[in-house]
């Protein structure tokens, strides 16, 4: 119970499927969004007649929202919050990084607006 109710909130890669023996989901099963594969629309259409089931309406709505949360990406430079010392260490691995003005060694007061 704890794993399904708590971990599903903390770890967005998991989506737990509701049990439904009529569709062959008798035990606990989950979708792992970090393991994905690309399927063309034509391939999906060819499989339409082989579908054995679908999520109930509550699970379907939750699945759509969880999927969008997991794959949502924001265009942000991940190093913006680093101070000058942390940035120096970061640049050892990513030398192409361009520092923000507040990350110069002379400024340790944080960003200004």
PDB file of N, CA and C in Angstrom:
ATOM      1  N   UNK A   1       0.820  -1.186   0.000  1.00  0.00           N
ATOM      2  CA  UNK A   1       0.000   0.000   0.000  1.00  0.00           C
ATOM      3  C   UNK A   1       0.866   1.252   0.000  1.00  0.00           C
ATOM      4  N   UNK A   2       1.870   1.296   0.889  1.00  0.00           N
ATOM      5  CA  UNK A   2       2.721   2.480   0.957  1.00  0.00           C
ATOM      6  C   UNK A   2       3.455   2.727  -0.350  1.00  0.00           C
ATOM      7  N   UNK A   3       3.981   1.673  -0.942  1.00  0.00           N
ATOM      8  CA  UNK A   3       4.728   1.840  -2.189  1.00  0.00           C
ATOM      9  C   UNK A   3       3.837   2.425  -3.275  1.00  0.00           C
ATOM     10  N   UNK A   4       2.654   1.925  -3.395  1.00  0.00           N
ATOM     11  CA  UNK A   4       1.771   2.408  -4.460  1.00  0.00           C
ATOM     12  C   UNK A   4       1.292   3.827  -4.183  1.00  0.00           C
ATOM     13  N   UNK A   5       0.883   4.119  -2.971  1.00  0.00           N
ATOM     14  CA  UNK A   5       0.313   5.441  -2.694  1.00  0.00           C
ATOM     15  C   UNK A   5       1.354   6.522  -2.490  1.00  0.00           C
ATOM     16  N   UNK A   6       2.476   6.200  -1.865  1.00  0.00           N
ATOM     17  CA  UNK A   6       3.484   7.223  -1.574  1.00  0.00           C
ATOM     18  C   UNK A   6       4.546   7.336  -2.666  1.00  0.00           C
ATOM     19  N   UNK A   7       5.110   6.203  -3.088  1.00  0.00           N
ATOM     20  CA  UNK A   7       6.165   6.256  -4.087  1.00  0.00           C
ATOM     21  C   UNK A   7       5.656   6.775  -5.426  1.00  0.00           C
ATOM     22  N   UNK A   8       4.419   6.525  -5.749  1.00  0.00           N
ATOM     23  CA  UNK A   8       3.876   7.026  -7.009  1.00  0.00           C
ATOM     24  C   UNK A   8       3.816   8.547  -7.014  1.00  0.00           C
ATOM     25  N   UNK A   9       3.717   9.161  -5.837  1.00  0.00           N
ATOM     26  CA  UNK A   9       3.720  10.628  -5.739  1.00  0.00           C
ATOM     27  C   UNK A   9       5.130  11.183  -5.828  1.00  0.00           C
ATOM     28  N   UNK A  10       6.097  10.436  -5.291  1.00  0.00           N
ATOM     29  CA  UNK A  10       7.476  10.916  -5.225  1.00  0.00           C
ATOM     30  C   UNK A  10       8.265  10.620  -6.492  1.00  0.00           C
ATOM     31  N   UNK A  11       7.967   9.525  -7.138  1.00  0.00           N
ATOM     32  CA  UNK A  11       8.745   9.082  -8.279  1.00  0.00           C
ATOM     33  C   UNK A  11       7.845   9.074  -9.515  1.00  0.00           C
ATOM     34  N   UNK A  12       7.933  10.134 -10.306  1.00  0.00           N
ATOM     35  CA  UNK A  12       7.006  10.306 -11.421  1.00  0.00           C
ATOM     36  C   UNK A  12       7.212   9.316 -12.564  1.00  0.00           C
ATOM     37  N   UNK A  13       8.259   8.517 -12.510  1.00  0.00           N
ATOM     38  CA  UNK A  13       8.461   7.569 -13.601  1.00  0.00           C
ATOM     39  C   UNK A  13       7.507   6.382 -13.519  1.00  0.00           C
ATOM     40  N   UNK A  14       6.883   6.166 -12.359  1.00  0.00           N
ATOM     41  CA  UNK A  14       6.002   5.018 -12.180  1.00  0.00           C
ATOM     42  C   UNK A  14       4.532   5.397 -12.301  1.00  0.00           C
ATOM     43  N   UNK A  15       3.794   4.536 -12.959  1.00  0.00           N
ATOM     44  CA  UNK A  15       2.335   4.640 -12.995  1.00  0.00           C
ATOM     45  C   UNK A  15       1.807   3.245 -12.721  1.00  0.00           C
ATOM     46  N   UNK A  16       1.107   3.095 -11.616  1.00  0.00           N
ATOM     47  CA  UNK A  16       0.592   1.782 -11.234  1.00  0.00           C
ATOM     48  C   UNK A  16      -0.744   1.524 -11.912  1.00  0.00           C
ATOM     49  N   UNK A  17      -0.870   0.336 -12.486  1.00  0.00           N
ATOM     50  CA  UNK A  17      -2.088  -0.038 -13.196  1.00  0.00           C
ATOM     51  C   UNK A  17      -3.103  -0.621 -12.222  1.00  0.00           C
ATOM     52  N   UNK A  18      -4.357  -0.225 -12.364  1.00  0.00           N
ATOM     53  CA  UNK A  18      -5.381  -0.836 -11.514  1.00  0.00           C
ATOM     54  C   UNK A  18      -5.594  -2.292 -11.937  1.00  0.00           C
ATOM     55  N   UNK A  19      -5.792  -3.169 -10.966  1.00  0.00           N
ATOM     56  CA  UNK A  19      -6.011  -4.575 -11.274  1.00  0.00           C
ATOM     57  C   UNK A  19      -7.324  -4.754 -12.022  1.00  0.00           C
ATOM     58  N   UNK A  20      -7.297  -5.616 -13.023  1.00  0.00           N
ATOM     59  CA  UNK A  20      -8.508  -5.941 -13.778  1.00  0.00           C
ATOM     60  C   UNK A  20      -8.287  -7.297 -14.420  1.00  0.00           C
ATOM     61  N   UNK A  21      -8.808  -8.342 -13.804  1.00  0.00           N
ATOM     62  CA  UNK A  21      -8.559  -9.696 -14.295  1.00  0.00           C
ATOM     63  C   UNK A  21      -9.158  -9.940 -15.674  1.00  0.00           C
ATOM     64  N   UNK A  22     -10.166  -9.193 -16.067  1.00  0.00           N
ATOM     65  CA  UNK A  22     -10.752  -9.398 -17.397  1.00  0.00           C
ATOM     66  C   UNK A  22      -9.785  -8.991 -18.506  1.00  0.00           C
ATOM     67  N   UNK A  23      -8.783  -8.181 -18.175  1.00  0.00           N
ATOM     68  CA  UNK A  23      -7.772  -7.779 -19.160  1.00  0.00           C
ATOM     69  C   UNK A  23      -6.425  -8.431 -18.893  1.00  0.00           C
ATOM     70  N   UNK A  24      -6.362  -9.337 -17.961  1.00  0.00           N
ATOM     71  CA  UNK A  24      -5.113 -10.023 -17.685  1.00  0.00           C
ATOM     72  C   UNK A  24      -4.189  -9.288 -16.724  1.00  0.00           C
ATOM     73  N   UNK A  25      -4.691  -8.273 -16.048  1.00  0.00           N
ATOM     74  CA  UNK A  25      -3.889  -7.559 -15.053  1.00  0.00           C
ATOM     75  C   UNK A  25      -4.338  -8.064 -13.688  1.00  0.00           C
ATOM     76  N   UNK A  26      -3.834  -9.246 -13.331  1.00  0.00           N
ATOM     77  CA  UNK A  26      -4.272  -9.866 -12.088  1.00  0.00           C
ATOM     78  C   UNK A  26      -3.402  -9.455 -10.916  1.00  0.00           C
ATOM     79  N   UNK A  27      -2.115  -9.250 -11.156  1.00  0.00           N
ATOM     80  CA  UNK A  27      -1.205  -8.859 -10.088  1.00  0.00           C
ATOM     81  C   UNK A  27      -0.894  -7.379 -10.171  1.00  0.00           C
ATOM     82  N   UNK A  28       0.033  -6.957  -9.331  1.00  0.00           N
ATOM     83  CA  UNK A  28       0.459  -5.561  -9.347  1.00  0.00           C
ATOM     84  C   UNK A  28       1.348  -5.337 -10.567  1.00  0.00           C
ATOM     85  N   UNK A  29       1.000  -4.361 -11.380  1.00  0.00           N
ATOM     86  CA  UNK A  29       1.786  -4.021 -12.557  1.00  0.00           C
ATOM     87  C   UNK A  29       1.921  -2.510 -12.621  1.00  0.00           C
ATOM     88  N   UNK A  30       3.014  -2.076 -13.253  1.00  0.00           N
ATOM     89  CA  UNK A  30       3.262  -0.649 -13.367  1.00  0.00           C
ATOM     90  C   UNK A  30       3.882  -0.335 -14.715  1.00  0.00           C
ATOM     91  N   UNK A  31       3.701   0.905 -15.123  1.00  0.00           N
ATOM     92  CA  UNK A  31       4.358   1.447 -16.306  1.00  0.00           C
ATOM     93  C   UNK A  31       5.589   2.191 -15.817  1.00  0.00           C
ATOM     94  N   UNK A  32       6.708   1.995 -16.491  1.00  0.00           N
ATOM     95  CA  UNK A  32       7.943   2.714 -16.179  1.00  0.00           C
ATOM     96  C   UNK A  32       8.205   3.655 -17.343  1.00  0.00           C
ATOM     97  N   UNK A  33       7.987   4.961 -17.147  1.00  0.00           N
ATOM     98  CA  UNK A  33       8.121   5.932 -18.225  1.00  0.00           C
ATOM     99  C   UNK A  33       9.562   6.113 -18.691  1.00  0.00           C
ATOM    100  N   UNK A  34      10.533   5.620 -17.931  1.00  0.00           N
ATOM    101  CA  UNK A  34      11.913   5.743 -18.377  1.00  0.00           C
ATOM    102  C   UNK A  34      12.276   4.682 -19.399  1.00  0.00           C
ATOM    103  N   UNK A  35      11.417   3.704 -19.573  1.00  0.00           N
ATOM    104  CA  UNK A  35      11.632   2.676 -20.581  1.00  0.00           C
ATOM    105  C   UNK A  35      10.565   2.878 -21.642  1.00  0.00           C
ATOM    106  N   UNK A  36      10.940   3.577 -22.686  1.00  0.00           N
ATOM    107  CA  UNK A  36       9.986   3.882 -23.743  1.00  0.00           C
ATOM    108  C   UNK A  36      10.492   3.352 -25.073  1.00  0.00           C
ATOM    109  N   UNK A  37       9.601   3.169 -26.002  1.00  0.00           N
ATOM    110  CA  UNK A  37       9.984   2.800 -27.349  1.00  0.00           C
ATOM    111  C   UNK A  37       9.115   3.566 -28.324  1.00  0.00           C
ATOM    112  N   UNK A  38       9.683   3.814 -29.454  1.00  0.00           N
ATOM    113  CA  UNK A  38       8.991   4.592 -30.472  1.00  0.00           C
ATOM    114  C   UNK A  38       8.183   3.655 -31.363  1.00  0.00           C
ATOM    115  N   UNK A  39       6.934   4.000 -31.573  1.00  0.00           N
ATOM    116  CA  UNK A  39       6.046   3.213 -32.429  1.00  0.00           C
ATOM    117  C   UNK A  39       5.383   4.184 -33.399  1.00  0.00           C
ATOM    118  N   UNK A  40       5.435   3.854 -34.669  1.00  0.00           N
ATOM    119  CA  UNK A  40       4.822   4.736 -35.665  1.00  0.00           C
ATOM    120  C   UNK A  40       3.298   4.649 -35.573  1.00  0.00           C
ATOM    121  N   UNK A  41       2.643   5.667 -36.052  1.00  0.00           N
ATOM    122  CA  UNK A  41       1.180   5.701 -36.038  1.00  0.00           C
ATOM    123  C   UNK A  41       0.609   4.527 -36.818  1.00  0.00           C
ATOM    124  N   UNK A  42       1.210   4.213 -37.960  1.00  0.00           N
ATOM    125  CA  UNK A  42       0.711   3.097 -38.777  1.00  0.00           C
ATOM    126  C   UNK A  42       0.831   1.770 -38.030  1.00  0.00           C
ATOM    127  N   UNK A  43       1.928   1.595 -37.294  1.00  0.00           N
ATOM    128  CA  UNK A  43       2.074   0.364 -36.499  1.00  0.00           C
ATOM    129  C   UNK A  43       1.008   0.299 -35.408  1.00  0.00           C
ATOM    130  N   UNK A  44       0.739   1.429 -34.772  1.00  0.00           N
ATOM    131  CA  UNK A  44      -0.312   1.453 -33.751  1.00  0.00           C
ATOM    132  C   UNK A  44      -1.666   1.099 -34.342  1.00  0.00           C
ATOM    133  N   UNK A  45      -1.956   1.664 -35.501  1.00  0.00           N
ATOM    134  CA  UNK A  45      -3.243   1.376 -36.144  1.00  0.00           C
ATOM    135  C   UNK A  45      -3.367  -0.094 -36.510  1.00  0.00           C
ATOM    136  N   UNK A  46      -2.261  -0.716 -36.892  1.00  0.00           N
ATOM    137  CA  UNK A  46      -2.316  -2.136 -37.261  1.00  0.00           C
ATOM    138  C   UNK A  46      -2.557  -3.028 -36.044  1.00  0.00           C
ATOM    139  N   UNK A  47      -2.247  -2.513 -34.853  1.00  0.00           N
ATOM    140  CA  UNK A  47      -2.447  -3.286 -33.629  1.00  0.00           C
ATOM    141  C   UNK A  47      -3.812  -3.042 -32.987  1.00  0.00           C
ATOM    142  N   UNK A  48      -4.601  -2.141 -33.526  1.00  0.00           N
ATOM    143  CA  UNK A  48      -5.880  -1.755 -32.925  1.00  0.00           C
ATOM    144  C   UNK A  48      -6.783  -2.956 -32.667  1.00  0.00           C
ATOM    145  N   UNK A  49      -6.837  -3.899 -33.569  1.00  0.00           N
ATOM    146  CA  UNK A  49      -7.729  -5.053 -33.413  1.00  0.00           C
ATOM    147  C   UNK A  49      -7.176  -6.071 -32.412  1.00  0.00           C
ATOM    148  N   UNK A  50      -5.929  -5.928 -31.993  1.00  0.00           N
ATOM    149  CA  UNK A  50      -5.324  -6.862 -31.041  1.00  0.00           C
ATOM    150  C   UNK A  50      -5.357  -6.338 -29.611  1.00  0.00           C
ATOM    151  N   UNK A  51      -5.943  -5.171 -29.405  1.00  0.00           N
ATOM    152  CA  UNK A  51      -6.020  -4.593 -28.064  1.00  0.00           C
ATOM    153  C   UNK A  51      -6.867  -5.493 -27.176  1.00  0.00           C
ATOM    154  N   UNK A  52      -6.348  -5.782 -25.980  1.00  0.00           N
ATOM    155  CA  UNK A  52      -7.092  -6.664 -25.076  1.00  0.00           C
ATOM    156  C   UNK A  52      -7.826  -5.892 -23.995  1.00  0.00           C
ATOM    157  N   UNK A  53      -7.540  -4.624 -23.869  1.00  0.00           N
ATOM    158  CA  UNK A  53      -8.214  -3.851 -22.843  1.00  0.00           C
ATOM    159  C   UNK A  53      -7.745  -2.411 -22.839  1.00  0.00           C
ATOM    160  N   UNK A  54      -8.319  -1.654 -21.935  1.00  0.00           N
ATOM    161  CA  UNK A  54      -7.900  -0.270 -21.759  1.00  0.00           C
ATOM    162  C   UNK A  54      -8.111   0.119 -20.317  1.00  0.00           C
ATOM    163  N   UNK A  55      -7.487   1.214 -19.934  1.00  0.00           N
ATOM    164  CA  UNK A  55      -7.622   1.702 -18.567  1.00  0.00           C
ATOM    165  C   UNK A  55      -9.044   2.177 -18.308  1.00  0.00           C
ATOM    166  N   UNK A  56      -9.476   2.045 -17.064  1.00  0.00           N
ATOM    167  CA  UNK A  56     -10.785   2.610 -16.733  1.00  0.00           C
ATOM    168  C   UNK A  56     -10.685   4.135 -16.806  1.00  0.00           C
ATOM    169  N   UNK A  57     -11.781   4.837 -16.758  1.00  0.00           N
ATOM    170  CA  UNK A  57     -11.780   6.285 -16.999  1.00  0.00           C
ATOM    171  C   UNK A  57     -10.946   7.060 -15.980  1.00  0.00           C
ATOM    172  N   UNK A  58     -10.958   6.637 -14.714  1.00  0.00           N
ATOM    173  CA  UNK A  58     -10.161   7.318 -13.681  1.00  0.00           C
ATOM    174  C   UNK A  58      -8.675   7.107 -13.950  1.00  0.00           C
ATOM    175  N   UNK A  59      -8.289   5.859 -14.209  1.00  0.00           N
ATOM    176  CA  UNK A  59      -6.886   5.550 -14.478  1.00  0.00           C
ATOM    177  C   UNK A  59      -6.419   6.204 -15.778  1.00  0.00           C
ATOM    178  N   UNK A  60      -7.278   6.266 -16.787  1.00  0.00           N
ATOM    179  CA  UNK A  60      -6.920   6.886 -18.056  1.00  0.00           C
ATOM    180  C   UNK A  60      -6.611   8.373 -17.878  1.00  0.00           C
ATOM    181  N   UNK A  61      -7.436   9.058 -17.119  1.00  0.00           N
ATOM    182  CA  UNK A  61      -7.207  10.484 -16.852  1.00  0.00           C
ATOM    183  C   UNK A  61      -5.908  10.680 -16.062  1.00  0.00           C
ATOM    184  N   UNK A  62      -5.688   9.842 -15.062  1.00  0.00           N
ATOM    185  CA  UNK A  62      -4.466   9.917 -14.265  1.00  0.00           C
ATOM    186  C   UNK A  62      -3.237   9.602 -15.121  1.00  0.00           C
ATOM    187  N   UNK A  63      -3.339   8.596 -15.983  1.00  0.00           N
ATOM    188  CA  UNK A  63      -2.233   8.215 -16.861  1.00  0.00           C
ATOM    189  C   UNK A  63      -1.834   9.377 -17.769  1.00  0.00           C
ATOM    190  N   UNK A  64      -2.796  10.029 -18.365  1.00  0.00           N
ATOM    191  CA  UNK A  64      -2.491  11.162 -19.263  1.00  0.00           C
ATOM    192  C   UNK A  64      -1.766  12.275 -18.513  1.00  0.00           C
ATOM    193  N   UNK A  65      -2.229  12.586 -17.315  1.00  0.00           N
ATOM    194  CA  UNK A  65      -1.600  13.640 -16.528  1.00  0.00           C
ATOM    195  C   UNK A  65      -0.201  13.236 -16.091  1.00  0.00           C
ATOM    196  N   UNK A  66      -0.040  12.012 -15.618  1.00  0.00           N
ATOM    197  CA  UNK A  66       1.268  11.536 -15.167  1.00  0.00           C
ATOM    198  C   UNK A  66       2.265  11.503 -16.327  1.00  0.00           C
ATOM    199  N   UNK A  67       1.821  11.057 -17.467  1.00  0.00           N
ATOM    200  CA  UNK A  67       2.678  11.009 -18.645  1.00  0.00           C
ATOM    201  C   UNK A  67       3.138  12.409 -19.031  1.00  0.00           C
ATOM    202  N   UNK A  68       2.234  13.371 -19.007  1.00  0.00           N
ATOM    203  CA  UNK A  68       2.615  14.740 -19.361  1.00  0.00           C
ATOM    204  C   UNK A  68       3.567  15.331 -18.322  1.00  0.00           C
ATOM    205  N   UNK A  69       3.373  15.017 -17.044  1.00  0.00           N
ATOM    206  CA  UNK A  69       4.285  15.499 -15.998  1.00  0.00           C
ATOM    207  C   UNK A  69       5.682  14.921 -16.190  1.00  0.00           C
ATOM    208  N   UNK A  70       5.756  13.637 -16.505  1.00  0.00           N
ATOM    209  CA  UNK A  70       7.056  12.991 -16.628  1.00  0.00           C
ATOM    210  C   UNK A  70       7.839  13.530 -17.814  1.00  0.00           C
ATOM    211  N   UNK A  71       7.181  13.761 -18.929  1.00  0.00           N
ATOM    212  CA  UNK A  71       7.880  14.183 -20.133  1.00  0.00           C
ATOM    213  C   UNK A  71       7.951  15.693 -20.306  1.00  0.00           C
ATOM    214  N   UNK A  72       7.387  16.448 -19.384  1.00  0.00           N
ATOM    215  CA  UNK A  72       7.476  17.907 -19.465  1.00  0.00           C
ATOM    216  C   UNK A  72       8.921  18.323 -19.275  1.00  0.00           C
ATOM    217  N   UNK A  73       9.405  19.163 -20.151  1.00  0.00           N
ATOM    218  CA  UNK A  73      10.783  19.646 -20.060  1.00  0.00           C
ATOM    219  C   UNK A  73      10.764  21.163 -20.133  1.00  0.00           C
ATOM    220  N   UNK A  74      11.601  21.786 -19.329  1.00  0.00           N
ATOM    221  CA  UNK A  74      11.705  23.231 -19.310  1.00  0.00           C
ATOM    222  C   UNK A  74      13.064  23.635 -19.863  1.00  0.00           C
ATOM    223  N   UNK A  75      13.093  24.629 -20.733  1.00  0.00           N
ATOM    224  CA  UNK A  75      14.375  25.083 -21.274  1.00  0.00           C
ATOM    225  C   UNK A  75      15.121  25.913 -20.236  1.00  0.00           C
ATOM    226  N   UNK A  76      15.976  25.273 -19.469  1.00  0.00           N
ATOM    227  CA  UNK A  76      16.713  25.968 -18.424  1.00  0.00           C
ATOM    228  C   UNK A  76      18.130  25.398 -18.374  1.00  0.00           C
ATOM    229  N   UNK A  77      19.089  26.271 -18.143  1.00  0.00           N
ATOM    230  CA  UNK A  77      20.463  25.831 -17.963  1.00  0.00           C
ATOM    231  C   UNK A  77      20.598  25.346 -16.529  1.00  0.00           C
ATOM    232  N   UNK A  78      20.873  24.051 -16.359  1.00  0.00           N
ATOM    233  CA  UNK A  78      20.848  23.442 -15.033  1.00  0.00           C
ATOM    234  C   UNK A  78      21.901  24.003 -14.087  1.00  0.00           C
ATOM    235  N   UNK A  79      22.878  24.700 -14.600  1.00  0.00           N
ATOM    236  CA  UNK A  79      23.957  25.218 -13.754  1.00  0.00           C
ATOM    237  C   UNK A  79      23.695  26.612 -13.211  1.00  0.00           C
ATOM    238  N   UNK A  80      22.533  27.200 -13.483  1.00  0.00           N
ATOM    239  CA  UNK A  80      22.268  28.585 -13.072  1.00  0.00           C
ATOM    240  C   UNK A  80      22.312  28.792 -11.553  1.00  0.00           C
ATOM    241  N   UNK A  81      22.024  27.758 -10.779  1.00  0.00           N
ATOM    242  CA  UNK A  81      21.974  27.908  -9.324  1.00  0.00           C
ATOM    243  C   UNK A  81      23.325  27.652  -8.650  1.00  0.00           C
ATOM    244  N   UNK A  82      24.330  27.289  -9.406  1.00  0.00           N
ATOM    245  CA  UNK A  82      25.639  26.997  -8.820  1.00  0.00           C
ATOM    246  C   UNK A  82      26.383  28.287  -8.494  1.00  0.00           C
ATOM    247  N   UNK A  83      27.155  28.272  -7.409  1.00  0.00           N
ATOM    248  CA  UNK A  83      28.012  29.430  -7.122  1.00  0.00           C
ATOM    249  C   UNK A  83      29.295  29.265  -7.948  1.00  0.00           C
ATOM    250  N   UNK A  84      30.198  30.205  -7.860  1.00  0.00           N
ATOM    251  CA  UNK A  84      31.384  30.182  -8.722  1.00  0.00           C
ATOM    252  C   UNK A  84      32.257  28.951  -8.474  1.00  0.00           C
ATOM    253  N   UNK A  85      32.377  28.534  -7.229  1.00  0.00           N
ATOM    254  CA  UNK A  85      33.186  27.341  -6.926  1.00  0.00           C
ATOM    255  C   UNK A  85      32.532  26.072  -7.486  1.00  0.00           C
ATOM    256  N   UNK A  86      31.228  25.952  -7.301  1.00  0.00           N
ATOM    257  CA  UNK A  86      30.510  24.792  -7.830  1.00  0.00           C
ATOM    258  C   UNK A  86      30.560  24.780  -9.354  1.00  0.00           C
ATOM    259  N   UNK A  87      30.445  25.969  -9.948  1.00  0.00           N
ATOM    260  CA  UNK A  87      30.482  26.073 -11.404  1.00  0.00           C
ATOM    261  C   UNK A  87      31.847  25.652 -11.945  1.00  0.00           C
ATOM    262  N   UNK A  88      32.902  26.021 -11.256  1.00  0.00           N
ATOM    263  CA  UNK A  88      34.241  25.622 -11.687  1.00  0.00           C
ATOM    264  C   UNK A  88      34.344  24.097 -11.740  1.00  0.00           C
ATOM    265  N   UNK A  89      33.813  23.432 -10.745  1.00  0.00           N
ATOM    266  CA  UNK A  89      33.812  21.965 -10.710  1.00  0.00           C
ATOM    267  C   UNK A  89      32.940  21.406 -11.841  1.00  0.00           C
ATOM    268  N   UNK A  90      31.787  22.029 -12.054  1.00  0.00           N
ATOM    269  CA  UNK A  90      30.860  21.605 -13.107  1.00  0.00           C
ATOM    270  C   UNK A  90      31.521  21.731 -14.481  1.00  0.00           C
ATOM    271  N   UNK A  91      32.276  22.811 -14.688  1.00  0.00           N
ATOM    272  CA  UNK A  91      32.925  23.058 -15.983  1.00  0.00           C
ATOM    273  C   UNK A  91      34.022  22.046 -16.288  1.00  0.00           C
ATOM    274  N   UNK A  92      34.529  21.348 -15.273  1.00  0.00           N
ATOM    275  CA  UNK A  92      35.500  20.291 -15.531  1.00  0.00           C
ATOM    276  C   UNK A  92      34.869  19.196 -16.392  1.00  0.00           C
ATOM    277  N   UNK A  93      33.580  18.952 -16.168  1.00  0.00           N
ATOM    278  CA  UNK A  93      32.871  17.926 -16.930  1.00  0.00           C
ATOM    279  C   UNK A  93      32.201  18.511 -18.177  1.00  0.00           C
ATOM    280  N   UNK A  94      31.793  19.785 -18.107  1.00  0.00           N
ATOM    281  CA  UNK A  94      31.101  20.439 -19.213  1.00  0.00           C
ATOM    282  C   UNK A  94      31.790  21.759 -19.535  1.00  0.00           C
ATOM    283  N   UNK A  95      32.938  21.721 -20.216  1.00  0.00           N
ATOM    284  CA  UNK A  95      33.725  22.936 -20.439  1.00  0.00           C
ATOM    285  C   UNK A  95      33.044  23.989 -21.313  1.00  0.00           C
ATOM    286  N   UNK A  96      32.035  23.619 -22.064  1.00  0.00           N
ATOM    287  CA  UNK A  96      31.357  24.570 -22.958  1.00  0.00           C
ATOM    288  C   UNK A  96      30.377  25.492 -22.228  1.00  0.00           C
ATOM    289  N   UNK A  97      30.158  25.273 -20.952  1.00  0.00           N
ATOM    290  CA  UNK A  97      29.202  26.058 -20.166  1.00  0.00           C
ATOM    291  C   UNK A  97      29.623  27.524 -20.111  1.00  0.00           C
ATOM    292  N   UNK A  98      28.651  28.397 -20.331  1.00  0.00           N
ATOM    293  CA  UNK A  98      28.883  29.838 -20.228  1.00  0.00           C
ATOM    294  C   UNK A  98      28.282  30.308 -18.905  1.00  0.00           C
ATOM    295  N   UNK A  99      29.110  30.888 -18.020  1.00  0.00           N
ATOM    296  CA  UNK A  99      28.594  31.311 -16.711  1.00  0.00           C
ATOM    297  C   UNK A  99      27.614  32.478 -16.827  1.00  0.00           C
ATOM    298  N   UNK A 100      26.728  32.545 -15.882  1.00  0.00           N
ATOM    299  CA  UNK A 100      25.844  33.699 -15.755  1.00  0.00           C
ATOM    300  C   UNK A 100      26.601  34.809 -15.028  1.00  0.00           C
ATOM    301  N   UNK A 101      26.174  36.076 -15.169  1.00  0.00           N
ATOM    302  CA  UNK A 101      26.900  37.187 -14.541  1.00  0.00           C
ATOM    303  C   UNK A 101      27.107  37.013 -13.040  1.00  0.00           C
ATOM    304  N   UNK A 102      26.154  36.453 -12.325  1.00  0.00           N
ATOM    305  CA  UNK A 102      26.270  36.303 -10.872  1.00  0.00           C
ATOM    306  C   UNK A 102      27.195  35.158 -10.460  1.00  0.00           C
ATOM    307  N   UNK A 103      27.738  34.439 -11.422  1.00  0.00           N
ATOM    308  CA  UNK A 103      28.601  33.312 -11.099  1.00  0.00           C
ATOM    309  C   UNK A 103      30.091  33.644 -11.219  1.00  0.00           C
ATOM    310  N   UNK A 104      30.408  34.906 -11.374  1.00  0.00           N
ATOM    311  CA  UNK A 104      31.825  35.270 -11.438  1.00  0.00           C
ATOM    312  C   UNK A 104      32.424  35.143 -10.050  1.00  0.00           C
ATOM    313  N   UNK A 105      33.707  34.806  -9.943  1.00  0.00           N
ATOM    314  CA  UNK A 105      34.335  34.615  -8.630  1.00  0.00           C
ATOM    315  C   UNK A 105      34.251  35.850  -7.737  1.00  0.00           C
ATOM    316  N   UNK A 106      34.152  37.046  -8.322  1.00  0.00           N
ATOM    317  CA  UNK A 106      34.108  38.273  -7.511  1.00  0.00           C
ATOM    318  C   UNK A 106      32.770  38.449  -6.814  1.00  0.00           C
ATOM    319  N   UNK A 107      31.716  37.888  -7.387  1.00  0.00           N
ATOM    320  CA  UNK A 107      30.379  38.049  -6.802  1.00  0.00           C
ATOM    321  C   UNK A 107      29.961  36.775  -6.092  1.00  0.00           C
ATOM    322  N   UNK A 108      29.743  36.869  -4.799  1.00  0.00           N
ATOM    323  CA  UNK A 108      29.223  35.721  -4.053  1.00  0.00           C
ATOM    324  C   UNK A 108      27.906  36.070  -3.390  1.00  0.00           C
ATOM    325  N   UNK A 109      27.277  37.152  -3.803  1.00  0.00           N
ATOM    326  CA  UNK A 109      26.032  37.612  -3.172  1.00  0.00           C
ATOM    327  C   UNK A 109      24.795  37.052  -3.844  1.00  0.00           C
ATOM    328  N   UNK A 110      24.951  36.303  -4.916  1.00  0.00           N
ATOM    329  CA  UNK A 110      23.792  35.739  -5.584  1.00  0.00           C
ATOM    330  C   UNK A 110      23.353  36.619  -6.732  1.00  0.00           C
ATOM    331  N   UNK A 111      22.324  36.190  -7.454  1.00  0.00           N
ATOM    332  CA  UNK A 111      21.868  36.917  -8.640  1.00  0.00           C
ATOM    333  C   UNK A 111      21.203  38.232  -8.290  1.00  0.00           C
ATOM    334  N   UNK A 112      21.356  39.165  -9.167  1.00  0.00           N
ATOM    335  CA  UNK A 112      20.646  40.433  -9.018  1.00  0.00           C
ATOM    336  C   UNK A 112      19.695  40.562 -10.175  1.00  0.00           C
ATOM    337  N   UNK A 113      18.618  41.291  -9.953  1.00  0.00           N
ATOM    338  CA  UNK A 113      17.622  41.428 -11.018  1.00  0.00           C
ATOM    339  C   UNK A 113      17.659  42.817 -11.595  1.00  0.00           C
TER     340      UNK A 113
END
